[in-house]
């Protein structure tokens, strides 16, 4: 009897791990799953399946959306924090990955370093999902793109404006521009640019425009994020000065296309990166965007676990 070679699992460490066709398939499936849930239909495609959730960084939307999503699909999710696991006592990531992946069907990891996530994936027997690292936040992009597709259809050929820090969300928008074939304008102050290598890989789709009002001219979608992310709280005062001219307000939105949408991954700081007059009014789709984290993640889990 010959041993069979076990198929290597598919991971989502960044949007580049999937093909454009696969990403479109997941978004279309997310829209279907949302409709199924709203009709009240039972749909247990992941019955008796288990998701392990490793959190090194705190979360509201990520935890709730994954736990609720697995319940909808007939499975269950297990929350694991450093306080509750041997990871918090110094167990190597490789060993944790080897053990957990023999017990669950998929593992989502929300951690600080992309390199730690990649190490986890290298030693896992099941799919690993990036639920946020210092470099990327691909799950938020799935939700954002689902929201866009629901409101406006295909994003191919459209123009998106990212306002603010060249952070993990900005990096994921750069990858999305490549995968979904849209133009991305990045308006950020000097010293807060996205990683040069990530930007260079998408140079045909992206450009940096320092003047935020000029960058907003005619765009179809405006996206921003907090000025100081988790772990950057001590930089708050410095960042407030640096980003003073990079607020999404009525004047900036007035430069965009008349049907432009506004998105924010949340939590938002009204009066800093965005005004209440933008986030709480017509054109803002942040609440649907937040809800769609759950639907798009359900579609992703189906794809990774069931194939």
C-alpha atoms as a PDB file:
ATOM      1  CA  UNK A   1       0.000   0.000   0.000  1.00  0.00           C
ATOM      2  CA  UNK A   2       1.484   3.332  -1.039  1.00  0.00           C
ATOM      3  CA  UNK A   3       1.116   6.420   1.085  1.00  0.00           C
ATOM      4  CA  UNK A   4      -0.712   9.324  -0.493  1.00  0.00           C
ATOM      5  CA  UNK A   5       0.740  12.784  -0.406  1.00  0.00           C
ATOM      6  CA  UNK A   6      -1.438  15.125   1.639  1.00  0.00           C
ATOM      7  CA  UNK A   7      -2.590  18.156  -0.312  1.00  0.00           C
ATOM      8  CA  UNK A   8      -1.127  21.420   0.923  1.00  0.00           C
ATOM      9  CA  UNK A   9      -3.771  23.743   2.379  1.00  0.00           C
ATOM     10  CA  UNK A  10      -4.641  27.063   0.784  1.00  0.00           C
ATOM     11  CA  UNK A  11      -3.973  30.085   2.976  1.00  0.00           C
ATOM     12  CA  UNK A  12      -5.038  33.735   2.886  1.00  0.00           C
ATOM     13  CA  UNK A  13      -2.022  35.655   4.146  1.00  0.00           C
ATOM     14  CA  UNK A  14      -2.672  38.487   1.691  1.00  0.00           C
ATOM     15  CA  UNK A  15      -5.056  39.081  -1.210  1.00  0.00           C
ATOM     16  CA  UNK A  16      -2.304  37.920  -3.559  1.00  0.00           C
ATOM     17  CA  UNK A  17      -2.738  34.324  -2.326  1.00  0.00           C
ATOM     18  CA  UNK A  18      -5.926  34.045  -4.385  1.00  0.00           C
ATOM     19  CA  UNK A  19      -6.500  34.655  -8.067  1.00  0.00           C
ATOM     20  CA  UNK A  20      -8.744  37.484  -9.279  1.00  0.00           C
ATOM     21  CA  UNK A  21     -11.287  34.869 -10.381  1.00  0.00           C
ATOM     22  CA  UNK A  22     -11.269  33.267  -6.937  1.00  0.00           C
ATOM     23  CA  UNK A  23     -11.693  36.625  -5.241  1.00  0.00           C
ATOM     24  CA  UNK A  24     -14.670  37.464  -7.442  1.00  0.00           C
ATOM     25  CA  UNK A  25     -16.134  34.029  -6.699  1.00  0.00           C
ATOM     26  CA  UNK A  26     -15.822  34.601  -2.942  1.00  0.00           C
ATOM     27  CA  UNK A  27     -17.466  38.027  -3.152  1.00  0.00           C
ATOM     28  CA  UNK A  28     -20.350  36.681  -5.232  1.00  0.00           C
ATOM     29  CA  UNK A  29     -20.764  33.830  -2.761  1.00  0.00           C
ATOM     30  CA  UNK A  30     -20.741  36.309   0.142  1.00  0.00           C
ATOM     31  CA  UNK A  31     -23.643  38.165  -1.456  1.00  0.00           C
ATOM     32  CA  UNK A  32     -25.506  34.830  -1.831  1.00  0.00           C
ATOM     33  CA  UNK A  33     -24.846  33.847   1.794  1.00  0.00           C
ATOM     34  CA  UNK A  34     -26.096  37.245   2.975  1.00  0.00           C
ATOM     35  CA  UNK A  35     -29.346  36.701   1.073  1.00  0.00           C
ATOM     36  CA  UNK A  36     -29.696  33.163   2.455  1.00  0.00           C
ATOM     37  CA  UNK A  37     -29.318  34.429   6.016  1.00  0.00           C
ATOM     38  CA  UNK A  38     -31.838  37.233   5.514  1.00  0.00           C
ATOM     39  CA  UNK A  39     -34.377  34.747   4.122  1.00  0.00           C
ATOM     40  CA  UNK A  40     -33.979  32.758   7.331  1.00  0.00           C
ATOM     41  CA  UNK A  41     -32.890  29.605   5.527  1.00  0.00           C
ATOM     42  CA  UNK A  42     -30.816  26.945   7.261  1.00  0.00           C
ATOM     43  CA  UNK A  43     -27.447  26.573   5.533  1.00  0.00           C
ATOM     44  CA  UNK A  44     -24.952  24.370   7.366  1.00  0.00           C
ATOM     45  CA  UNK A  45     -22.139  24.006   4.845  1.00  0.00           C
ATOM     46  CA  UNK A  46     -19.550  23.812   7.650  1.00  0.00           C
ATOM     47  CA  UNK A  47     -21.498  21.523   9.987  1.00  0.00           C
ATOM     48  CA  UNK A  48     -19.195  19.870  12.554  1.00  0.00           C
ATOM     49  CA  UNK A  49     -16.261  21.990  11.397  1.00  0.00           C
ATOM     50  CA  UNK A  50     -14.190  24.014  13.862  1.00  0.00           C
ATOM     51  CA  UNK A  51     -12.376  27.327  13.445  1.00  0.00           C
ATOM     52  CA  UNK A  52      -9.510  28.158  15.793  1.00  0.00           C
ATOM     53  CA  UNK A  53      -9.133  31.897  16.421  1.00  0.00           C
ATOM     54  CA  UNK A  54      -5.734  33.076  17.668  1.00  0.00           C
ATOM     55  CA  UNK A  55      -5.847  36.681  18.899  1.00  0.00           C
ATOM     56  CA  UNK A  56      -2.723  38.580  19.925  1.00  0.00           C
ATOM     57  CA  UNK A  57      -4.447  41.908  19.196  1.00  0.00           C
ATOM     58  CA  UNK A  58      -7.844  42.899  20.555  1.00  0.00           C
ATOM     59  CA  UNK A  59     -10.907  42.965  18.331  1.00  0.00           C
ATOM     60  CA  UNK A  60     -14.647  43.558  18.198  1.00  0.00           C
ATOM     61  CA  UNK A  61     -15.708  43.038  14.585  1.00  0.00           C
ATOM     62  CA  UNK A  62     -13.260  40.242  13.780  1.00  0.00           C
ATOM     63  CA  UNK A  63     -14.171  38.046  16.733  1.00  0.00           C
ATOM     64  CA  UNK A  64     -17.930  38.546  16.541  1.00  0.00           C
ATOM     65  CA  UNK A  65     -18.091  38.158  12.759  1.00  0.00           C
ATOM     66  CA  UNK A  66     -16.155  34.887  12.782  1.00  0.00           C
ATOM     67  CA  UNK A  67     -18.004  33.391  15.732  1.00  0.00           C
ATOM     68  CA  UNK A  68     -21.421  34.357  14.378  1.00  0.00           C
ATOM     69  CA  UNK A  69     -20.455  33.250  10.877  1.00  0.00           C
ATOM     70  CA  UNK A  70     -19.360  29.781  11.981  1.00  0.00           C
ATOM     71  CA  UNK A  71     -22.616  29.416  13.928  1.00  0.00           C
ATOM     72  CA  UNK A  72     -24.615  30.321  10.807  1.00  0.00           C
ATOM     73  CA  UNK A  73     -22.744  27.654   8.818  1.00  0.00           C
ATOM     74  CA  UNK A  74     -23.321  24.948  11.431  1.00  0.00           C
ATOM     75  CA  UNK A  75     -19.795  24.940  12.832  1.00  0.00           C
ATOM     76  CA  UNK A  76     -18.156  26.454  15.869  1.00  0.00           C
ATOM     77  CA  UNK A  77     -15.280  28.789  16.692  1.00  0.00           C
ATOM     78  CA  UNK A  78     -12.810  28.630  19.568  1.00  0.00           C
ATOM     79  CA  UNK A  79     -11.370  31.905  20.886  1.00  0.00           C
ATOM     80  CA  UNK A  80      -7.701  31.725  21.929  1.00  0.00           C
ATOM     81  CA  UNK A  81      -5.766  34.628  23.432  1.00  0.00           C
ATOM     82  CA  UNK A  82      -2.176  34.704  24.749  1.00  0.00           C
ATOM     83  CA  UNK A  83      -3.597  34.721  28.281  1.00  0.00           C
ATOM     84  CA  UNK A  84      -5.365  31.425  27.633  1.00  0.00           C
ATOM     85  CA  UNK A  85      -2.744  29.508  25.644  1.00  0.00           C
ATOM     86  CA  UNK A  86       0.853  28.360  25.786  1.00  0.00           C
ATOM     87  CA  UNK A  87       1.716  30.985  23.173  1.00  0.00           C
ATOM     88  CA  UNK A  88       1.554  33.479  26.003  1.00  0.00           C
ATOM     89  CA  UNK A  89       4.107  31.429  27.932  1.00  0.00           C
ATOM     90  CA  UNK A  90       6.641  31.221  25.151  1.00  0.00           C
ATOM     91  CA  UNK A  91       5.665  28.105  23.188  1.00  0.00           C
ATOM     92  CA  UNK A  92       7.157  28.389  19.684  1.00  0.00           C
ATOM     93  CA  UNK A  93       4.722  29.421  16.966  1.00  0.00           C
ATOM     94  CA  UNK A  94       5.745  26.347  14.972  1.00  0.00           C
ATOM     95  CA  UNK A  95       4.679  23.995  17.770  1.00  0.00           C
ATOM     96  CA  UNK A  96       1.379  25.758  18.340  1.00  0.00           C
ATOM     97  CA  UNK A  97       0.631  25.572  14.618  1.00  0.00           C
ATOM     98  CA  UNK A  98       1.454  21.861  14.467  1.00  0.00           C
ATOM     99  CA  UNK A  99      -0.789  21.047  17.416  1.00  0.00           C
ATOM    100  CA  UNK A 100      -3.783  23.284  16.628  1.00  0.00           C
ATOM    101  CA  UNK A 101      -3.893  22.269  12.974  1.00  0.00           C
ATOM    102  CA  UNK A 102      -4.369  18.619  14.016  1.00  0.00           C
ATOM    103  CA  UNK A 103      -7.481  19.568  15.979  1.00  0.00           C
ATOM    104  CA  UNK A 104      -9.334  22.215  13.966  1.00  0.00           C
ATOM    105  CA  UNK A 105     -10.254  22.711  10.311  1.00  0.00           C
ATOM    106  CA  UNK A 106      -9.018  26.268   9.851  1.00  0.00           C
ATOM    107  CA  UNK A 107      -7.158  28.837  11.926  1.00  0.00           C
ATOM    108  CA  UNK A 108      -7.483  32.609  11.797  1.00  0.00           C
ATOM    109  CA  UNK A 109      -4.622  34.599  13.297  1.00  0.00           C
ATOM    110  CA  UNK A 110      -4.715  38.251  14.362  1.00  0.00           C
ATOM    111  CA  UNK A 111      -1.189  39.199  15.289  1.00  0.00           C
ATOM    112  CA  UNK A 112       1.412  41.947  15.072  1.00  0.00           C
ATOM    113  CA  UNK A 113       4.013  40.583  12.667  1.00  0.00           C
ATOM    114  CA  UNK A 114       3.357  39.266   9.170  1.00  0.00           C
ATOM    115  CA  UNK A 115       6.449  37.096   9.641  1.00  0.00           C
ATOM    116  CA  UNK A 116       4.798  35.338  12.619  1.00  0.00           C
ATOM    117  CA  UNK A 117       1.725  34.646  10.494  1.00  0.00           C
ATOM    118  CA  UNK A 118       3.868  33.213   7.694  1.00  0.00           C
ATOM    119  CA  UNK A 119       5.701  31.005  10.212  1.00  0.00           C
ATOM    120  CA  UNK A 120       2.352  29.767  11.506  1.00  0.00           C
ATOM    121  CA  UNK A 121       1.215  28.917   7.965  1.00  0.00           C
ATOM    122  CA  UNK A 122       4.465  27.122   7.133  1.00  0.00           C
ATOM    123  CA  UNK A 123       3.815  24.602   9.928  1.00  0.00           C
ATOM    124  CA  UNK A 124       0.040  24.241   9.685  1.00  0.00           C
ATOM    125  CA  UNK A 125      -1.845  21.324   8.153  1.00  0.00           C
ATOM    126  CA  UNK A 126      -4.997  23.430   7.685  1.00  0.00           C
ATOM    127  CA  UNK A 127      -5.744  26.805   6.061  1.00  0.00           C
ATOM    128  CA  UNK A 128      -4.475  29.913   7.850  1.00  0.00           C
ATOM    129  CA  UNK A 129      -6.357  33.206   7.525  1.00  0.00           C
ATOM    130  CA  UNK A 130      -4.787  36.611   8.118  1.00  0.00           C
ATOM    131  CA  UNK A 131      -7.175  38.455  10.425  1.00  0.00           C
ATOM    132  CA  UNK A 132      -4.777  41.440  10.574  1.00  0.00           C
ATOM    133  CA  UNK A 133      -1.027  41.935  10.792  1.00  0.00           C
ATOM    134  CA  UNK A 134       1.301  44.912  10.612  1.00  0.00           C
ATOM    135  CA  UNK A 135       1.434  44.574   6.813  1.00  0.00           C
ATOM    136  CA  UNK A 136      -1.996  43.441   5.611  1.00  0.00           C
ATOM    137  CA  UNK A 137      -5.700  43.238   6.453  1.00  0.00           C
ATOM    138  CA  UNK A 138      -7.139  41.207   3.549  1.00  0.00           C
ATOM    139  CA  UNK A 139     -10.419  40.309   5.294  1.00  0.00           C
ATOM    140  CA  UNK A 140     -11.415  43.966   5.455  1.00  0.00           C
ATOM    141  CA  UNK A 141     -10.839  44.279   1.729  1.00  0.00           C
ATOM    142  CA  UNK A 142     -13.149  41.335   1.028  1.00  0.00           C
ATOM    143  CA  UNK A 143     -15.854  43.133   3.010  1.00  0.00           C
ATOM    144  CA  UNK A 144     -15.125  46.475   1.342  1.00  0.00           C
ATOM    145  CA  UNK A 145     -15.258  44.991  -2.130  1.00  0.00           C
ATOM    146  CA  UNK A 146     -18.455  43.090  -1.350  1.00  0.00           C
ATOM    147  CA  UNK A 147     -20.003  46.381  -0.221  1.00  0.00           C
ATOM    148  CA  UNK A 148     -18.870  48.145  -3.391  1.00  0.00           C
ATOM    149  CA  UNK A 149     -20.177  45.351  -5.640  1.00  0.00           C
ATOM    150  CA  UNK A 150     -23.561  45.442  -3.886  1.00  0.00           C
ATOM    151  CA  UNK A 151     -23.929  49.196  -4.419  1.00  0.00           C
ATOM    152  CA  UNK A 152     -22.103  49.865  -7.669  1.00  0.00           C
ATOM    153  CA  UNK A 153     -21.261  46.615  -9.463  1.00  0.00           C
ATOM    154  CA  UNK A 154     -17.781  45.777 -10.734  1.00  0.00           C
ATOM    155  CA  UNK A 155     -15.006  48.066  -9.492  1.00  0.00           C
ATOM    156  CA  UNK A 156     -12.784  47.451 -12.523  1.00  0.00           C
ATOM    157  CA  UNK A 157     -11.662  50.736 -14.048  1.00  0.00           C
ATOM    158  CA  UNK A 158     -12.935  52.857 -11.134  1.00  0.00           C
ATOM    159  CA  UNK A 159     -10.784  55.240  -9.082  1.00  0.00           C
ATOM    160  CA  UNK A 160     -10.340  54.815  -5.335  1.00  0.00           C
ATOM    161  CA  UNK A 161      -8.754  57.326  -2.965  1.00  0.00           C
ATOM    162  CA  UNK A 162      -6.949  56.226   0.173  1.00  0.00           C
ATOM    163  CA  UNK A 163      -6.490  59.126   2.601  1.00  0.00           C
ATOM    164  CA  UNK A 164      -4.076  58.844   5.514  1.00  0.00           C
ATOM    165  CA  UNK A 165      -1.391  56.503   6.757  1.00  0.00           C
ATOM    166  CA  UNK A 166       0.322  54.049   4.412  1.00  0.00           C
ATOM    167  CA  UNK A 167      -0.540  51.232   6.809  1.00  0.00           C
ATOM    168  CA  UNK A 168      -1.772  47.640   6.563  1.00  0.00           C
ATOM    169  CA  UNK A 169      -5.113  48.771   5.155  1.00  0.00           C
ATOM    170  CA  UNK A 170      -3.381  50.897   2.545  1.00  0.00           C
ATOM    171  CA  UNK A 171      -1.186  47.922   1.617  1.00  0.00           C
ATOM    172  CA  UNK A 172      -4.259  45.751   1.195  1.00  0.00           C
ATOM    173  CA  UNK A 173      -5.883  48.370  -1.032  1.00  0.00           C
ATOM    174  CA  UNK A 174      -2.732  48.354  -3.143  1.00  0.00           C
ATOM    175  CA  UNK A 175      -3.042  44.583  -3.550  1.00  0.00           C
ATOM    176  CA  UNK A 176      -6.745  44.936  -4.281  1.00  0.00           C
ATOM    177  CA  UNK A 177      -6.019  47.454  -7.042  1.00  0.00           C
ATOM    178  CA  UNK A 178      -3.864  44.798  -8.715  1.00  0.00           C
ATOM    179  CA  UNK A 179      -6.363  41.983  -8.240  1.00  0.00           C
ATOM    180  CA  UNK A 180      -9.534  43.901  -9.158  1.00  0.00           C
ATOM    181  CA  UNK A 181      -7.964  46.220 -11.757  1.00  0.00           C
ATOM    182  CA  UNK A 182      -8.892  49.638 -10.369  1.00  0.00           C
ATOM    183  CA  UNK A 183      -6.866  52.819  -9.973  1.00  0.00           C
ATOM    184  CA  UNK A 184      -5.725  53.776  -6.478  1.00  0.00           C
ATOM    185  CA  UNK A 185      -4.678  57.251  -5.411  1.00  0.00           C
ATOM    186  CA  UNK A 186      -2.859  57.427  -2.085  1.00  0.00           C
ATOM    187  CA  UNK A 187      -2.840  60.766  -0.298  1.00  0.00           C
ATOM    188  CA  UNK A 188      -0.499  60.723   2.687  1.00  0.00           C
ATOM    189  CA  UNK A 189       1.990  63.096   4.338  1.00  0.00           C
ATOM    190  CA  UNK A 190       5.703  62.640   3.811  1.00  0.00           C
ATOM    191  CA  UNK A 191       7.141  59.977   6.060  1.00  0.00           C
ATOM    192  CA  UNK A 192       3.928  57.962   6.171  1.00  0.00           C
ATOM    193  CA  UNK A 193       4.066  56.299   2.755  1.00  0.00           C
ATOM    194  CA  UNK A 194       3.218  52.630   2.188  1.00  0.00           C
ATOM    195  CA  UNK A 195       6.055  50.095   1.984  1.00  0.00           C
ATOM    196  CA  UNK A 196       8.054  50.863  -1.156  1.00  0.00           C
ATOM    197  CA  UNK A 197       8.204  47.248  -2.343  1.00  0.00           C
ATOM    198  CA  UNK A 198       4.431  46.810  -1.998  1.00  0.00           C
ATOM    199  CA  UNK A 199       3.781  50.064  -3.848  1.00  0.00           C
ATOM    200  CA  UNK A 200       6.304  49.237  -6.578  1.00  0.00           C
ATOM    201  CA  UNK A 201       4.598  45.919  -7.279  1.00  0.00           C
ATOM    202  CA  UNK A 202       1.424  47.804  -8.205  1.00  0.00           C
ATOM    203  CA  UNK A 203       2.954  50.865  -9.881  1.00  0.00           C
ATOM    204  CA  UNK A 204       0.660  50.523 -12.911  1.00  0.00           C
ATOM    205  CA  UNK A 205      -2.388  50.869 -10.648  1.00  0.00           C
ATOM    206  CA  UNK A 206      -1.262  53.253  -7.896  1.00  0.00           C
ATOM    207  CA  UNK A 207       0.076  56.773  -7.422  1.00  0.00           C
ATOM    208  CA  UNK A 208       0.825  59.025  -4.468  1.00  0.00           C
ATOM    209  CA  UNK A 209      -0.756  62.496  -4.525  1.00  0.00           C
ATOM    210  CA  UNK A 210       0.165  64.640  -1.533  1.00  0.00           C
ATOM    211  CA  UNK A 211      -2.628  67.206  -1.887  1.00  0.00           C
ATOM    212  CA  UNK A 212      -5.718  65.399  -0.568  1.00  0.00           C
ATOM    213  CA  UNK A 213      -8.186  67.762  -2.276  1.00  0.00           C
ATOM    214  CA  UNK A 214      -6.480  67.337  -5.637  1.00  0.00           C
ATOM    215  CA  UNK A 215      -6.351  63.573  -5.087  1.00  0.00           C
ATOM    216  CA  UNK A 216     -10.113  63.460  -4.432  1.00  0.00           C
ATOM    217  CA  UNK A 217     -11.030  65.000  -7.769  1.00  0.00           C
ATOM    218  CA  UNK A 218     -13.620  62.755  -9.448  1.00  0.00           C
ATOM    219  CA  UNK A 219     -12.901  59.597  -7.425  1.00  0.00           C
ATOM    220  CA  UNK A 220     -15.571  56.923  -7.001  1.00  0.00           C
ATOM    221  CA  UNK A 221     -14.664  55.730  -3.523  1.00  0.00           C
ATOM    222  CA  UNK A 222     -12.953  57.428  -0.571  1.00  0.00           C
ATOM    223  CA  UNK A 223     -11.428  55.293   2.197  1.00  0.00           C
ATOM    224  CA  UNK A 224      -9.578  56.205   5.363  1.00  0.00           C
ATOM    225  CA  UNK A 225      -8.448  54.789   8.711  1.00  0.00           C
ATOM    226  CA  UNK A 226      -7.486  56.099  12.139  1.00  0.00           C
ATOM    227  CA  UNK A 227      -4.355  58.222  12.339  1.00  0.00           C
ATOM    228  CA  UNK A 228      -2.851  56.097  15.124  1.00  0.00           C
ATOM    229  CA  UNK A 229      -3.448  52.336  14.953  1.00  0.00           C
ATOM    230  CA  UNK A 230      -3.126  49.820  17.767  1.00  0.00           C
ATOM    231  CA  UNK A 231       0.375  50.008  19.191  1.00  0.00           C
ATOM    232  CA  UNK A 232       0.897  53.593  17.994  1.00  0.00           C
ATOM    233  CA  UNK A 233      -0.955  55.382  20.789  1.00  0.00           C
ATOM    234  CA  UNK A 234       2.211  57.109  22.017  1.00  0.00           C
ATOM    235  CA  UNK A 235       2.496  58.748  18.570  1.00  0.00           C
ATOM    236  CA  UNK A 236      -1.001  60.276  18.735  1.00  0.00           C
ATOM    237  CA  UNK A 237       0.074  63.908  19.195  1.00  0.00           C
ATOM    238  CA  UNK A 238       2.752  63.674  16.492  1.00  0.00           C
ATOM    239  CA  UNK A 239       0.325  62.047  14.073  1.00  0.00           C
ATOM    240  CA  UNK A 240      -2.402  64.604  14.706  1.00  0.00           C
ATOM    241  CA  UNK A 241      -0.020  67.284  13.457  1.00  0.00           C
ATOM    242  CA  UNK A 242       1.186  65.250  10.478  1.00  0.00           C
ATOM    243  CA  UNK A 243      -2.329  64.315   9.321  1.00  0.00           C
ATOM    244  CA  UNK A 244      -4.065  67.641   9.966  1.00  0.00           C
ATOM    245  CA  UNK A 245      -4.574  68.187   6.223  1.00  0.00           C
ATOM    246  CA  UNK A 246      -5.681  64.604   5.581  1.00  0.00           C
ATOM    247  CA  UNK A 247      -9.135  64.605   7.110  1.00  0.00           C
ATOM    248  CA  UNK A 248     -12.088  63.271   5.117  1.00  0.00           C
ATOM    249  CA  UNK A 249     -14.650  66.054   5.431  1.00  0.00           C
ATOM    250  CA  UNK A 250     -17.425  67.620   3.367  1.00  0.00           C
ATOM    251  CA  UNK A 251     -14.969  69.723   1.379  1.00  0.00           C
ATOM    252  CA  UNK A 252     -12.933  66.684   0.356  1.00  0.00           C
ATOM    253  CA  UNK A 253     -16.020  64.607  -0.463  1.00  0.00           C
ATOM    254  CA  UNK A 254     -17.261  67.544  -2.535  1.00  0.00           C
ATOM    255  CA  UNK A 255     -14.288  67.028  -4.843  1.00  0.00           C
ATOM    256  CA  UNK A 256     -15.196  63.375  -5.437  1.00  0.00           C
ATOM    257  CA  UNK A 257     -17.725  62.059  -7.957  1.00  0.00           C
ATOM    258  CA  UNK A 258     -21.301  62.959  -7.007  1.00  0.00           C
ATOM    259  CA  UNK A 259     -22.093  59.277  -6.397  1.00  0.00           C
ATOM    260  CA  UNK A 260     -18.876  58.524  -4.485  1.00  0.00           C
ATOM    261  CA  UNK A 261     -19.060  56.189  -1.514  1.00  0.00           C
ATOM    262  CA  UNK A 262     -17.178  56.506   1.781  1.00  0.00           C
ATOM    263  CA  UNK A 263     -15.699  53.574   3.703  1.00  0.00           C
ATOM    264  CA  UNK A 264     -13.850  53.134   6.990  1.00  0.00           C
ATOM    265  CA  UNK A 265     -12.782  49.837   8.578  1.00  0.00           C
ATOM    266  CA  UNK A 266     -13.750  51.112  12.069  1.00  0.00           C
ATOM    267  CA  UNK A 267     -13.442  52.013  14.868  1.00  0.00           C
ATOM    268  CA  UNK A 268     -13.555  55.642  13.735  1.00  0.00           C
ATOM    269  CA  UNK A 269     -12.529  58.795  15.564  1.00  0.00           C
ATOM    270  CA  UNK A 270     -15.002  61.456  14.503  1.00  0.00           C
ATOM    271  CA  UNK A 271     -13.328  64.830  14.286  1.00  0.00           C
ATOM    272  CA  UNK A 272      -9.937  63.326  13.480  1.00  0.00           C
ATOM    273  CA  UNK A 273      -9.570  61.270  10.294  1.00  0.00           C
ATOM    274  CA  UNK A 274     -13.244  61.775   9.352  1.00  0.00           C
ATOM    275  CA  UNK A 275     -15.979  64.216  10.322  1.00  0.00           C
ATOM    276  CA  UNK A 276     -19.378  63.141  11.627  1.00  0.00           C
ATOM    277  CA  UNK A 277     -20.940  64.942   8.665  1.00  0.00           C
ATOM    278  CA  UNK A 278     -19.309  62.369   6.349  1.00  0.00           C
ATOM    279  CA  UNK A 279     -19.460  59.096   8.261  1.00  0.00           C
ATOM    280  CA  UNK A 280     -23.064  59.491   9.453  1.00  0.00           C
ATOM    281  CA  UNK A 281     -24.664  60.713   6.240  1.00  0.00           C
ATOM    282  CA  UNK A 282     -25.631  59.582   2.741  1.00  0.00           C
ATOM    283  CA  UNK A 283     -22.791  58.074   0.781  1.00  0.00           C
ATOM    284  CA  UNK A 284     -21.264  56.444   3.840  1.00  0.00           C
ATOM    285  CA  UNK A 285     -21.611  52.654   3.773  1.00  0.00           C
ATOM    286  CA  UNK A 286     -19.531  51.880   6.847  1.00  0.00           C
ATOM    287  CA  UNK A 287     -22.254  49.934   8.672  1.00  0.00           C
ATOM    288  CA  UNK A 288     -22.927  47.621   5.727  1.00  0.00           C
ATOM    289  CA  UNK A 289     -19.167  47.355   5.290  1.00  0.00           C
ATOM    290  CA  UNK A 290     -18.843  46.206   8.910  1.00  0.00           C
ATOM    291  CA  UNK A 291     -21.668  43.682   8.554  1.00  0.00           C
ATOM    292  CA  UNK A 292     -20.149  42.332   5.362  1.00  0.00           C
ATOM    293  CA  UNK A 293     -17.078  41.210   7.296  1.00  0.00           C
ATOM    294  CA  UNK A 294     -19.271  38.348   8.482  1.00  0.00           C
ATOM    295  CA  UNK A 295     -20.676  37.415   5.077  1.00  0.00           C
ATOM    296  CA  UNK A 296     -17.407  37.638   3.142  1.00  0.00           C
ATOM    297  CA  UNK A 297     -15.571  35.655   5.823  1.00  0.00           C
ATOM    298  CA  UNK A 298     -18.229  32.928   5.657  1.00  0.00           C
ATOM    299  CA  UNK A 299     -17.659  32.703   1.906  1.00  0.00           C
ATOM    300  CA  UNK A 300     -13.906  32.563   2.440  1.00  0.00           C
ATOM    301  CA  UNK A 301     -14.197  29.801   5.058  1.00  0.00           C
ATOM    302  CA  UNK A 302     -16.370  27.738   2.712  1.00  0.00           C
ATOM    303  CA  UNK A 303     -13.773  28.204  -0.025  1.00  0.00           C
ATOM    304  CA  UNK A 304     -10.778  27.281   2.123  1.00  0.00           C
ATOM    305  CA  UNK A 305     -12.324  24.440   4.130  1.00  0.00           C
ATOM    306  CA  UNK A 306     -14.629  22.803   1.590  1.00  0.00           C
ATOM    307  CA  UNK A 307     -12.643  23.697  -1.517  1.00  0.00           C
END
